[in-house]
Amino acid sequence: MNQIFNIFITKLNNIINPKFQNVFIRSVFGIGVLLVAPKILNILAKFELITNDFIIKLEFLESSDTTLSFIGVVFILVSSWLFYNERRMNHEYKILSQSQDEDLIINYYVCENYERLVEINNGDLSGFPVQNAMILKNSIMSSLNEIIANHPDSYRNSNLYGDYYNSVEEYLEKYPEASIPNRSDGNFSYFQVTRVPNKHELTNLKDKDGLLKLMLEKNVEFPISIAGGYEDACAGIDLQEEFILRKLWCSFICITNNSDKSLQLNSMTGNHLKSDSFKCFSTNSSKQEDIKIPNVMLKSGQSVIVPICILIPPLYSFKRDEISSTRSEGLSDRIQITNHESIHLKSNEDCIVYGDRFSIRSIKYKKNKSLIETTIRDFDFTNMFTYDLHWQCGSCPHLFFVGENISYKKELLADCQNSIGTDSFSIPPKVSSVVIAEIEDEITHISSIKMNDVIVAKDLVLKNGEHFSFEAKAGAEVIITGYYVPDSEVIYNIPQGIKRNELVSNSLQSYQQ
């Protein structure tokens, strides 16, 4: 009854308070009729029918209102055209209004974990951050399967151990082309020395990594690997070499039915770049086309996951701005962290795409027998959801010096896991302050910090993400006493350089803001 009443009220309101455009169209049509009517009446007045001889006589008289009649005809034609467009616009508005209640929620997700990608490749979405989802298998999945088929293990760490050395000098003697990285720029600031490995070295490693093997077979011209050396104080190694490989990510568009009714997906429109090799992320097809998809019926709250490209990010560490973060159960002793974040690369061309790539511009779907098209934003590194698995283990707090810039120095209390000990360092020239930061999954307990035998601080507790800073004098000697407690058991058989470099680089970039 209420619905009938509402319809009646709406119709009555349209009569009493008509829209301006309707009044205008009717006025134009009425003026046109008034201008044409005298001419029509004049014609009809001279129409004669002679019944005796059955002669019909039609006489057109000259009239001075011919111009006005012509204007009247134009007015009628214009009003008819306006009326047609008004009806068409009302129909489009009706369809648009049906989709303005956010029938679809559309987000981009990037999976950064190899084991989760293997699950997806096998059709298992239990680790995907969106529940009640199905995946659309396309050419992207074929490229992903090719990489997985070339990889020897069920896991992938994106780094491999090299040799170890007694000093940076020994390393430079063996590899004179190596260089000392900038400890302030946040690229490879954790490493004490870096170099580009030659193709012969990488060929010897290719059977240990599927992506590396594929990149060598395709003869890519992009940087494939960086070798870096760092002091692994926890393991008692003066300089541990580590080969940093390209990571493997996959990007997906997630389409969720947010309405209370079932929706049927019809098609997608966008750019489809077809390739069987590695290309820059910025490379794309200029031709926009319809992308056929199965006419999936999405129930309320159900999602479909569409792979759009395989991403291979750059070797250097980059800035990440977290918008929000959630933690959930992962695999083994690891947790899964899903972040809504922005990633800032030096250039998008530093990122590589393998195989095909889809750039979706719009999605068509059916609702209540109406075909609705909704436009969507393109994939953007600065607005996406990422998820990865993380070990909840730490190594020790980290030391930074602040002068004209903030720079990374070293790890502190490396031998003091769960047992109290001391560490020391000297303040170099042009350093005005010191930062002791906890950037790993652990808690650091500092009993005291002394500078030239004067207590600077005592009884400090630093959790992950916290730091303590104090002013310093060049040439001063600092002694720190304390220990750290990891959140879980430390994994020693996994190369840690790449992960610590990311943590150090993120800290540097955060402090430099």
Protein backbone atom coordinates (compact mmCIF):
# COMPACT_ATOMS: atom_id res chain seq x y z
CA MET A 1 0.00 0.00 0.00
CA ASN A 2 2.82 2.39 0.87
CA GLN A 3 4.49 1.67 -2.48
CA ILE A 4 1.27 2.54 -4.39
CA PHE A 5 0.91 5.74 -2.36
CA ASN A 6 4.52 6.72 -3.11
CA ILE A 7 4.00 6.17 -6.85
CA PHE A 8 0.82 8.32 -6.74
CA ILE A 9 2.61 11.11 -4.87
CA THR A 10 5.50 11.01 -7.37
CA LYS A 11 3.14 11.26 -10.38
CA LEU A 12 1.15 14.07 -8.76
CA ASN A 13 4.35 15.99 -7.98
CA ASN A 14 5.47 15.64 -11.62
CA ILE A 15 2.18 17.20 -12.75
CA ILE A 16 2.15 20.02 -10.20
CA ASN A 17 5.90 20.70 -10.29
CA PRO A 18 7.09 19.67 -13.76
CA LYS A 19 10.80 19.74 -14.51
CA PHE A 20 12.12 22.85 -16.23
CA GLN A 21 13.24 20.93 -19.30
CA ASN A 22 9.75 19.46 -19.76
CA VAL A 23 8.15 22.91 -19.51
CA PHE A 24 10.66 24.29 -22.00
CA ILE A 25 10.10 21.48 -24.52
CA ARG A 26 6.31 21.82 -24.28
CA SER A 27 6.56 25.62 -24.67
CA VAL A 28 8.70 25.33 -27.80
CA PHE A 29 6.29 22.75 -29.26
CA GLY A 30 3.26 24.96 -28.40
CA ILE A 31 4.77 28.06 -30.02
CA GLY A 32 5.55 26.03 -33.12
CA VAL A 33 1.96 24.78 -33.35
CA LEU A 34 0.58 28.33 -32.93
CA LEU A 35 2.81 29.63 -35.74
CA VAL A 36 1.89 26.82 -38.13
CA ALA A 37 -1.84 26.61 -37.30
CA PRO A 38 -3.00 29.76 -39.27
CA LYS A 39 -1.38 28.45 -42.44
CA ILE A 40 -3.04 25.07 -42.03
CA LEU A 41 -6.44 26.69 -41.44
CA ASN A 42 -5.95 28.93 -44.47
CA ILE A 43 -5.29 25.86 -46.64
CA LEU A 44 -8.30 24.03 -45.29
CA ALA A 45 -10.51 27.11 -45.92
CA LYS A 46 -9.81 27.01 -49.67
CA PHE A 47 -10.53 23.31 -50.07
CA GLU A 48 -13.67 22.81 -52.33
CA LEU A 49 -15.59 19.69 -53.33
CA ILE A 50 -17.94 19.97 -56.36
CA THR A 51 -20.31 17.04 -56.11
CA ASN A 52 -22.19 17.35 -59.46
CA ASP A 53 -19.18 16.69 -61.67
CA PHE A 54 -17.11 15.11 -58.91
CA ILE A 55 -14.43 17.77 -59.25
CA ILE A 56 -12.16 18.40 -56.29
CA LYS A 57 -10.64 21.86 -56.17
CA LEU A 58 -7.72 22.67 -53.85
CA GLU A 59 -6.55 26.27 -53.86
CA PHE A 60 -3.49 27.65 -52.06
CA LEU A 61 -3.60 31.33 -51.48
CA GLU A 62 -0.62 33.55 -51.01
CA SER A 63 -0.08 34.45 -47.42
CA SER A 64 2.15 36.91 -45.70
CA ASP A 65 2.72 34.49 -42.74
CA THR A 66 4.82 31.93 -44.69
CA THR A 67 7.99 32.89 -42.79
CA LEU A 68 6.26 32.51 -39.45
CA SER A 69 4.91 29.13 -40.49
CA PHE A 70 8.43 28.00 -41.44
CA ILE A 71 9.70 29.11 -38.02
CA GLY A 72 6.85 27.18 -36.45
CA VAL A 73 7.87 24.00 -38.27
CA VAL A 74 11.46 24.48 -37.02
CA PHE A 75 10.18 24.89 -33.45
CA ILE A 76 8.17 21.67 -33.72
CA LEU A 77 11.17 19.74 -35.09
CA VAL A 78 13.46 21.12 -32.35
CA SER A 79 10.98 20.25 -29.60
CA SER A 80 10.61 16.73 -31.02
CA TRP A 81 14.41 16.30 -30.98
CA LEU A 82 14.62 17.61 -27.40
CA PHE A 83 11.81 15.29 -26.35
CA TYR A 84 13.63 12.27 -27.83
CA ASN A 85 16.89 13.15 -26.07
CA GLU A 86 15.08 13.81 -22.81
CA ARG A 87 13.55 10.32 -22.94
CA ARG A 88 16.94 8.78 -23.80
CA MET A 89 18.69 10.64 -20.97
CA ASN A 90 16.00 9.61 -18.50
CA HIS A 91 16.53 5.98 -19.50
CA GLU A 92 20.31 6.27 -19.05
CA TYR A 93 19.81 8.03 -15.72
CA LYS A 94 17.52 5.23 -14.57
CA ILE A 95 20.17 2.65 -15.39
CA LEU A 96 22.88 4.74 -13.75
CA SER A 97 20.81 5.27 -10.60
CA GLN A 98 20.43 1.51 -10.30
CA SER A 99 24.21 1.17 -10.06
CA GLN A 100 24.81 4.18 -7.79
CA ASP A 101 24.11 2.09 -4.72
CA GLU A 102 27.55 0.48 -5.24
CA ASP A 103 26.39 -2.84 -6.59
CA LEU A 104 30.04 -3.79 -7.07
CA ILE A 105 33.00 -3.26 -4.77
CA ILE A 106 36.17 -3.36 -6.86
CA ASN A 107 39.68 -3.51 -5.38
CA TYR A 108 43.14 -4.45 -6.58
CA TYR A 109 45.18 -7.06 -4.68
CA VAL A 110 48.83 -8.00 -5.06
CA CYS A 111 50.03 -11.33 -3.70
CA GLU A 112 53.71 -11.10 -2.72
CA ASN A 113 54.15 -14.61 -1.35
CA TYR A 114 55.28 -17.49 -3.53
CA GLU A 115 53.53 -20.21 -1.53
CA ARG A 116 50.23 -18.32 -1.72
CA LEU A 117 50.72 -18.00 -5.48
CA VAL A 118 51.22 -21.77 -5.72
CA GLU A 119 47.93 -22.22 -3.85
CA ILE A 120 46.14 -19.87 -6.25
CA ASN A 121 47.67 -21.68 -9.22
CA ASN A 122 46.16 -24.89 -7.83
CA GLY A 123 42.74 -23.25 -7.45
CA ASP A 124 43.04 -22.85 -3.66
CA LEU A 125 41.84 -19.40 -2.49
CA SER A 126 41.87 -20.17 1.24
CA GLY A 127 44.75 -17.74 1.75
CA PHE A 128 43.26 -14.94 -0.35
CA PRO A 129 42.18 -12.01 1.88
CA VAL A 130 38.63 -12.03 0.45
CA GLN A 131 36.23 -14.78 1.51
CA ASN A 132 33.58 -16.51 -0.62
CA ALA A 133 35.53 -15.96 -3.84
CA MET A 134 36.10 -17.79 -7.10
CA ILE A 135 38.98 -17.27 -9.53
CA LEU A 136 38.81 -16.71 -13.27
CA LYS A 137 41.65 -18.59 -14.94
CA ASN A 138 43.12 -16.77 -17.93
CA SER A 139 46.46 -16.34 -19.73
CA ILE A 140 48.00 -14.74 -16.63
CA MET A 141 47.56 -18.02 -14.78
CA SER A 142 49.30 -19.85 -17.65
CA SER A 143 52.35 -17.59 -17.28
CA LEU A 144 52.34 -18.06 -13.50
CA ASN A 145 52.17 -21.83 -13.94
CA GLU A 146 55.17 -21.67 -16.27
CA ILE A 147 57.31 -19.97 -13.61
CA ILE A 148 56.15 -22.35 -10.87
CA ALA A 149 56.88 -25.37 -13.08
CA ASN A 150 60.49 -24.17 -13.48
CA HIS A 151 61.04 -23.69 -9.74
CA PRO A 152 62.49 -26.66 -7.82
CA ASP A 153 61.00 -25.98 -4.37
CA SER A 154 57.60 -25.36 -2.81
CA TYR A 155 58.91 -22.06 -1.39
CA ARG A 156 60.94 -19.17 -2.74
CA ASN A 157 63.00 -16.61 -0.80
CA SER A 158 64.16 -14.31 -3.66
CA ASN A 159 67.71 -14.54 -2.39
CA LEU A 160 70.52 -17.08 -2.24
CA TYR A 161 73.60 -17.40 -0.06
CA GLY A 162 76.97 -16.66 -1.63
CA ASP A 163 80.42 -17.03 -0.06
CA TYR A 164 81.56 -15.36 3.14
CA TYR A 165 84.60 -13.16 3.60
CA ASN A 166 86.75 -11.78 6.37
CA SER A 167 86.32 -8.13 5.39
CA VAL A 168 85.01 -5.66 2.83
CA GLU A 169 88.59 -5.17 1.66
CA GLU A 170 88.93 -8.88 0.85
CA TYR A 171 85.68 -8.73 -1.11
CA LEU A 172 86.82 -5.65 -3.07
CA GLU A 173 90.10 -7.36 -3.85
CA LYS A 174 88.22 -10.27 -5.44
CA TYR A 175 85.60 -8.06 -7.09
CA PRO A 176 87.18 -4.66 -7.86
CA GLU A 177 84.02 -3.60 -9.73
CA ALA A 178 82.05 -3.76 -6.47
CA SER A 179 81.13 -0.50 -4.73
CA ILE A 180 80.21 0.83 -1.31
CA PRO A 181 76.48 1.66 -1.27
CA ASN A 182 75.04 4.90 0.02
CA ARG A 183 73.99 4.21 3.62
CA SER A 184 71.44 7.06 3.48
CA ASP A 185 69.48 6.63 0.23
CA GLY A 186 67.42 3.60 1.30
CA ASN A 187 68.24 1.50 -1.76
CA PHE A 188 70.81 -1.01 -0.46
CA SER A 189 71.69 0.79 2.77
CA TYR A 190 71.94 -2.35 4.91
CA PHE A 191 74.72 -3.78 2.75
CA GLN A 192 78.36 -2.83 3.20
CA VAL A 193 79.26 -3.61 -0.41
CA THR A 194 77.32 -4.40 -3.60
CA ARG A 195 77.99 -5.47 -7.18
CA VAL A 196 76.22 -6.78 -10.28
CA PRO A 197 76.92 -10.52 -10.72
CA ASN A 198 77.95 -11.68 -14.18
CA LYS A 199 75.88 -13.98 -16.37
CA HIS A 200 78.18 -16.96 -15.72
CA GLU A 201 77.54 -16.70 -11.96
CA LEU A 202 73.79 -16.46 -12.47
CA THR A 203 73.79 -19.39 -14.89
CA ASN A 204 75.35 -21.51 -12.14
CA LEU A 205 72.45 -20.51 -9.86
CA LYS A 206 69.55 -20.80 -12.33
CA ASP A 207 68.54 -24.34 -11.34
CA LYS A 208 67.86 -23.05 -7.83
CA ASP A 209 65.27 -20.49 -8.93
CA GLY A 210 62.52 -20.77 -11.54
CA LEU A 211 62.15 -17.06 -12.23
CA LEU A 212 65.91 -16.55 -12.59
CA LYS A 213 66.05 -19.50 -15.00
CA LEU A 214 63.23 -18.09 -17.13
CA MET A 215 64.76 -14.59 -17.23
CA LEU A 216 68.10 -16.01 -18.38
CA GLU A 217 66.40 -18.14 -21.05
CA LYS A 218 64.53 -15.08 -22.35
CA ASN A 219 67.79 -13.04 -22.43
CA VAL A 220 66.20 -10.11 -20.64
CA GLU A 221 68.08 -6.82 -20.65
CA PHE A 222 66.66 -5.70 -17.32
CA PRO A 223 68.73 -5.98 -14.11
CA ILE A 224 68.23 -9.51 -12.81
CA SER A 225 70.27 -9.70 -9.62
CA ILE A 226 72.43 -7.77 -7.19
CA ALA A 227 75.09 -9.33 -4.95
CA GLY A 228 75.50 -7.68 -1.57
CA GLY A 229 77.75 -8.25 1.41
CA TYR A 230 76.82 -7.55 5.04
CA GLU A 231 78.06 -8.36 8.51
CA ASP A 232 75.97 -11.20 9.91
CA ALA A 233 76.81 -10.60 13.55
CA CYS A 234 74.20 -13.08 14.77
CA ALA A 235 75.96 -15.90 12.88
CA GLY A 236 79.44 -14.55 13.64
CA ILE A 237 80.29 -13.89 9.96
CA ASP A 238 82.29 -10.76 9.15
CA LEU A 239 80.93 -10.43 5.61
CA GLN A 240 78.21 -12.66 4.21
CA GLU A 241 77.55 -12.46 0.47
CA GLU A 242 73.95 -12.75 -0.67
CA PHE A 243 72.46 -12.80 -4.16
CA ILE A 244 69.30 -10.69 -4.32
CA LEU A 245 66.91 -11.95 -6.99
CA ARG A 246 63.80 -10.39 -8.47
CA LYS A 247 60.66 -11.01 -6.44
CA LEU A 248 57.55 -12.57 -7.95
CA TRP A 249 54.19 -10.88 -7.47
CA CYS A 250 50.83 -11.29 -9.10
CA SER A 251 48.14 -8.62 -9.35
CA PHE A 252 44.41 -9.35 -9.25
CA ILE A 253 41.21 -7.37 -9.57
CA CYS A 254 38.58 -8.43 -7.05
CA ILE A 255 34.94 -7.85 -8.02
CA THR A 256 32.49 -8.25 -5.13
CA ASN A 257 28.68 -8.20 -5.33
CA ASN A 258 27.72 -5.61 -2.72
CA SER A 259 24.00 -5.63 -3.53
CA ASP A 260 21.28 -7.72 -1.94
CA LYS A 261 20.48 -9.40 -5.27
CA SER A 262 22.36 -11.72 -7.60
CA LEU A 263 24.26 -10.01 -10.42
CA GLN A 264 25.43 -11.56 -13.67
CA LEU A 265 28.77 -10.43 -15.03
CA ASN A 266 28.62 -9.83 -18.77
CA SER A 267 31.97 -8.53 -20.02
CA MET A 268 34.88 -6.21 -19.34
CA THR A 269 36.35 -3.44 -21.48
CA GLY A 270 40.01 -2.52 -21.41
CA ASN A 271 43.47 -3.03 -22.88
CA HIS A 272 44.94 -6.48 -23.40
CA LEU A 273 48.70 -6.60 -23.99
CA LYS A 274 49.66 -10.00 -25.39
CA SER A 275 53.23 -11.12 -24.75
CA ASP A 276 55.31 -14.21 -24.02
CA SER A 277 58.29 -12.35 -22.56
CA PHE A 278 59.30 -9.66 -20.05
CA LYS A 279 58.33 -6.03 -20.65
CA CYS A 280 58.34 -2.75 -18.73
CA PHE A 281 55.22 -2.12 -16.65
CA SER A 282 54.58 1.07 -18.62
CA THR A 283 54.29 -0.92 -21.88
CA ASN A 284 50.64 -1.44 -22.74
CA SER A 285 48.28 -1.96 -25.66
CA SER A 286 46.74 1.25 -27.02
CA LYS A 287 43.75 -0.64 -28.41
CA GLN A 288 40.73 -0.83 -26.15
CA GLU A 289 38.62 -3.93 -26.64
CA ASP A 290 35.93 -6.09 -25.10
CA ILE A 291 37.43 -8.73 -22.83
CA LYS A 292 35.24 -11.79 -22.77
CA ILE A 293 34.61 -13.43 -19.43
CA PRO A 294 32.28 -16.24 -18.41
CA ASN A 295 28.79 -14.91 -17.57
CA VAL A 296 29.31 -15.60 -13.89
CA MET A 297 26.32 -15.22 -11.59
CA LEU A 298 27.50 -13.55 -8.38
CA LYS A 299 25.38 -14.06 -5.32
CA SER A 300 25.17 -11.31 -2.72
CA GLY A 301 28.56 -11.02 -0.98
CA GLN A 302 30.31 -13.29 -3.47
CA SER A 303 33.49 -12.26 -5.30
CA VAL A 304 35.32 -13.18 -8.48
CA ILE A 305 39.10 -12.80 -8.67
CA VAL A 306 40.55 -11.93 -12.08
CA PRO A 307 44.37 -12.12 -12.55
CA ILE A 308 45.55 -9.05 -14.50
CA CYS A 309 49.36 -9.35 -14.61
CA ILE A 310 52.50 -10.92 -13.18
CA LEU A 311 54.64 -8.22 -11.58
CA ILE A 312 58.39 -8.43 -10.99
CA PRO A 313 59.33 -5.44 -8.77
CA PRO A 314 62.75 -3.75 -8.83
CA LEU A 315 65.72 -5.05 -6.87
CA TYR A 316 66.13 -1.92 -4.77
CA SER A 317 64.03 -1.20 -1.68
CA PHE A 318 61.24 1.32 -2.14
CA LYS A 319 59.05 3.47 0.05
CA ARG A 320 55.77 1.99 1.30
CA ASP A 321 53.06 4.06 3.00
CA GLU A 322 50.67 1.92 5.00
CA ILE A 323 47.04 3.09 5.06
CA SER A 324 45.69 0.17 7.10
CA SER A 325 46.86 -3.29 8.09
CA THR A 326 45.32 -6.56 9.30
CA ARG A 327 46.94 -9.76 10.55
CA SER A 328 45.59 -13.25 10.16
CA GLU A 329 46.70 -16.84 10.44
CA GLY A 330 49.37 -17.84 7.94
CA LEU A 331 51.41 -20.97 7.27
CA SER A 332 53.62 -22.79 9.79
CA ASP A 333 55.03 -20.23 12.26
CA ARG A 334 54.26 -17.29 9.98
CA ILE A 335 51.43 -14.81 9.98
CA GLN A 336 49.73 -13.23 7.00
CA ILE A 337 49.70 -9.44 6.85
CA THR A 338 47.34 -7.65 4.48
CA ASN A 339 48.08 -3.98 3.91
CA HIS A 340 46.14 -1.26 2.16
CA GLU A 341 49.12 0.78 1.07
CA SER A 342 50.92 2.95 -1.43
CA ILE A 343 54.17 1.85 -3.05
CA HIS A 344 56.46 4.53 -4.44
CA LEU A 345 58.93 3.36 -7.08
CA LYS A 346 61.58 5.61 -8.58
CA SER A 347 59.91 4.86 -11.90
CA ASN A 348 57.16 2.45 -12.89
CA GLU A 349 59.47 1.28 -15.68
CA ASP A 350 61.65 -0.33 -12.98
CA CYS A 351 58.87 -2.88 -12.56
CA ILE A 352 58.66 -5.72 -15.09
CA VAL A 353 55.61 -7.60 -16.34
CA TYR A 354 55.85 -11.19 -17.58
CA GLY A 355 53.39 -12.46 -20.17
CA ASP A 356 50.01 -10.89 -20.87
CA ARG A 357 48.62 -7.87 -19.07
CA PHE A 358 45.05 -6.63 -18.67
CA SER A 359 44.12 -3.01 -17.89
CA ILE A 360 40.42 -3.03 -17.05
CA ARG A 361 38.47 0.19 -17.76
CA SER A 362 34.85 -0.88 -17.25
CA ILE A 363 32.69 -3.83 -16.26
CA LYS A 364 29.26 -4.71 -17.62
CA TYR A 365 26.77 -6.68 -15.58
CA LYS A 366 23.06 -7.45 -15.55
CA LYS A 367 20.73 -6.42 -12.76
CA ASN A 368 16.96 -6.82 -12.98
CA LYS A 369 17.33 -7.58 -16.72
CA SER A 370 19.08 -4.21 -17.25
CA LEU A 371 22.61 -4.19 -18.65
CA ILE A 372 24.68 -1.78 -16.55
CA GLU A 373 28.21 -0.59 -17.30
CA THR A 374 30.38 0.85 -14.54
CA THR A 375 33.78 2.44 -15.12
CA ILE A 376 36.68 1.58 -12.81
CA ARG A 377 40.09 3.05 -12.11
CA ASP A 378 43.17 1.42 -13.55
CA PHE A 379 45.67 -0.52 -11.43
CA ASP A 380 47.75 1.90 -9.40
CA PHE A 381 50.80 1.18 -7.20
CA THR A 382 49.75 3.98 -4.86
CA ASN A 383 46.33 2.49 -4.01
CA MET A 384 46.16 -1.28 -3.62
CA PHE A 385 45.98 -4.14 -1.15
CA THR A 386 49.05 -6.34 -0.70
CA TYR A 387 49.47 -9.51 1.31
CA ASP A 388 52.46 -11.60 2.32
CA LEU A 389 53.57 -14.13 4.94
CA HIS A 390 56.03 -13.04 7.61
CA TRP A 391 58.24 -14.83 10.11
CA GLN A 392 57.74 -13.29 13.55
CA CYS A 393 61.41 -13.33 14.35
CA GLY A 394 64.01 -10.66 14.95
CA SER A 395 67.77 -10.33 15.23
CA CYS A 396 68.63 -7.19 17.21
CA PRO A 397 68.04 -3.42 17.34
CA HIS A 398 69.61 -1.15 14.70
CA LEU A 399 71.81 1.94 14.92
CA PHE A 400 71.38 5.10 12.81
CA PHE A 401 73.46 8.29 12.75
CA VAL A 402 71.93 11.70 12.08
CA GLY A 403 73.94 14.54 10.53
CA GLU A 404 73.07 16.36 7.35
CA ASN A 405 71.19 13.16 6.52
CA ILE A 406 70.23 10.08 8.47
CA SER A 407 72.34 7.03 7.63
CA TYR A 408 72.44 3.40 8.69
CA LYS A 409 75.41 2.18 10.72
CA LYS A 410 74.97 -1.36 12.05
CA GLU A 411 73.11 -3.83 14.28
CA LEU A 412 73.42 -3.48 18.05
CA LEU A 413 73.60 -6.16 20.78
CA ALA A 414 73.78 -8.85 18.09
CA ASP A 415 75.09 -11.46 20.54
CA CYS A 416 72.55 -10.59 23.23
CA GLN A 417 69.48 -12.64 22.37
CA ASN A 418 67.72 -13.42 25.68
CA SER A 419 70.90 -12.63 27.64
CA ILE A 420 72.27 -9.29 28.77
CA GLY A 421 75.46 -7.96 27.22
CA THR A 422 77.19 -4.80 26.00
CA ASP A 423 78.00 -3.16 22.69
CA SER A 424 79.87 0.02 21.81
CA PHE A 425 80.45 2.48 18.99
CA SER A 426 82.15 5.81 18.31
CA ILE A 427 80.41 8.95 17.09
CA PRO A 428 81.89 9.96 13.71
CA PRO A 429 82.43 13.59 12.61
CA LYS A 430 79.42 15.69 11.58
CA VAL A 431 76.99 13.46 13.49
CA SER A 432 74.69 15.42 15.80
CA SER A 433 72.43 12.69 17.15
CA VAL A 434 71.97 8.93 17.41
CA VAL A 435 68.87 6.78 16.80
CA ILE A 436 68.48 3.30 18.24
CA ALA A 437 65.51 1.70 16.47
CA GLU A 438 63.61 -1.53 16.95
CA ILE A 439 62.39 -2.45 13.46
CA GLU A 440 61.95 -6.22 13.79
CA ASP A 441 59.54 -8.59 15.56
CA GLU A 442 61.15 -8.45 18.99
CA ILE A 443 61.41 -6.42 22.19
CA THR A 444 64.67 -4.72 23.15
CA HIS A 445 65.48 -4.09 26.83
CA ILE A 446 68.19 -1.46 27.36
CA SER A 447 69.59 -1.26 30.88
CA SER A 448 71.75 1.77 30.20
CA ILE A 449 73.29 3.98 27.52
CA LYS A 450 76.54 5.77 28.43
CA MET A 451 78.35 8.41 26.39
CA ASN A 452 81.86 9.14 27.63
CA ASP A 453 80.90 7.39 30.92
CA VAL A 454 77.89 9.68 31.41
CA ILE A 455 74.50 7.95 31.59
CA VAL A 456 72.27 9.16 28.74
CA ALA A 457 69.32 6.83 29.41
CA LYS A 458 68.42 3.70 31.35
CA ASP A 459 65.64 1.13 31.70
CA LEU A 460 64.33 1.52 28.14
CA VAL A 461 61.97 -0.93 26.47
CA LEU A 462 61.62 -0.70 22.68
CA LYS A 463 58.97 -2.64 20.78
CA ASN A 464 58.73 -3.08 17.03
CA GLY A 465 58.31 0.35 15.42
CA GLU A 466 59.71 2.29 18.39
CA HIS A 467 63.03 4.13 18.68
CA PHE A 468 65.11 6.19 21.09
CA SER A 469 67.27 9.13 20.01
CA PHE A 470 69.76 11.35 21.85
CA GLU A 471 72.16 14.15 21.02
CA ALA A 472 75.77 13.12 20.49
CA LYS A 473 79.22 14.69 20.18
CA ALA A 474 81.67 13.76 17.44
CA GLY A 475 84.42 11.49 18.77
CA ALA A 476 82.44 10.37 21.83
CA GLU A 477 82.39 6.70 22.87
CA VAL A 478 79.00 5.15 23.52
CA ILE A 479 78.42 1.95 25.48
CA ILE A 480 75.00 0.27 25.48
CA THR A 481 73.98 -2.53 27.85
CA GLY A 482 70.91 -4.69 27.28
CA TYR A 483 69.34 -7.61 25.41
CA TYR A 484 66.53 -8.43 22.99
CA VAL A 485 63.78 -11.06 22.98
CA PRO A 486 62.44 -12.22 19.56
CA ASP A 487 58.72 -12.77 19.22
CA SER A 488 59.46 -16.30 17.95
CA GLU A 489 62.41 -18.54 17.28
CA VAL A 490 64.97 -17.06 14.90
CA ILE A 491 65.35 -18.87 11.56
CA TYR A 492 69.07 -19.08 10.81
CA ASN A 493 69.03 -21.10 7.57
CA ILE A 494 67.23 -18.41 5.55
CA PRO A 495 69.23 -15.50 4.02
CA GLN A 496 68.19 -12.40 5.95
CA GLY A 497 70.01 -9.64 4.08
CA ILE A 498 67.21 -8.74 1.69
CA LYS A 499 64.62 -8.59 4.48
CA ARG A 500 66.79 -6.50 6.78
CA ASN A 501 67.62 -4.19 3.89
CA GLU A 502 63.89 -3.60 3.38
CA LEU A 503 63.38 -2.86 7.08
CA VAL A 504 66.37 -0.51 7.23
CA SER A 505 65.37 1.25 4.01
CA ASN A 506 61.77 1.72 5.19
CA SER A 507 63.09 3.24 8.41
CA LEU A 508 65.41 5.61 6.55
CA GLN A 509 62.62 6.74 4.25
CA SER A 510 60.29 7.20 7.22
CA TYR A 511 62.79 9.30 9.17
CA GLN A 512 63.52 11.44 6.11
CA GLN A 513 59.89 12.53 5.72
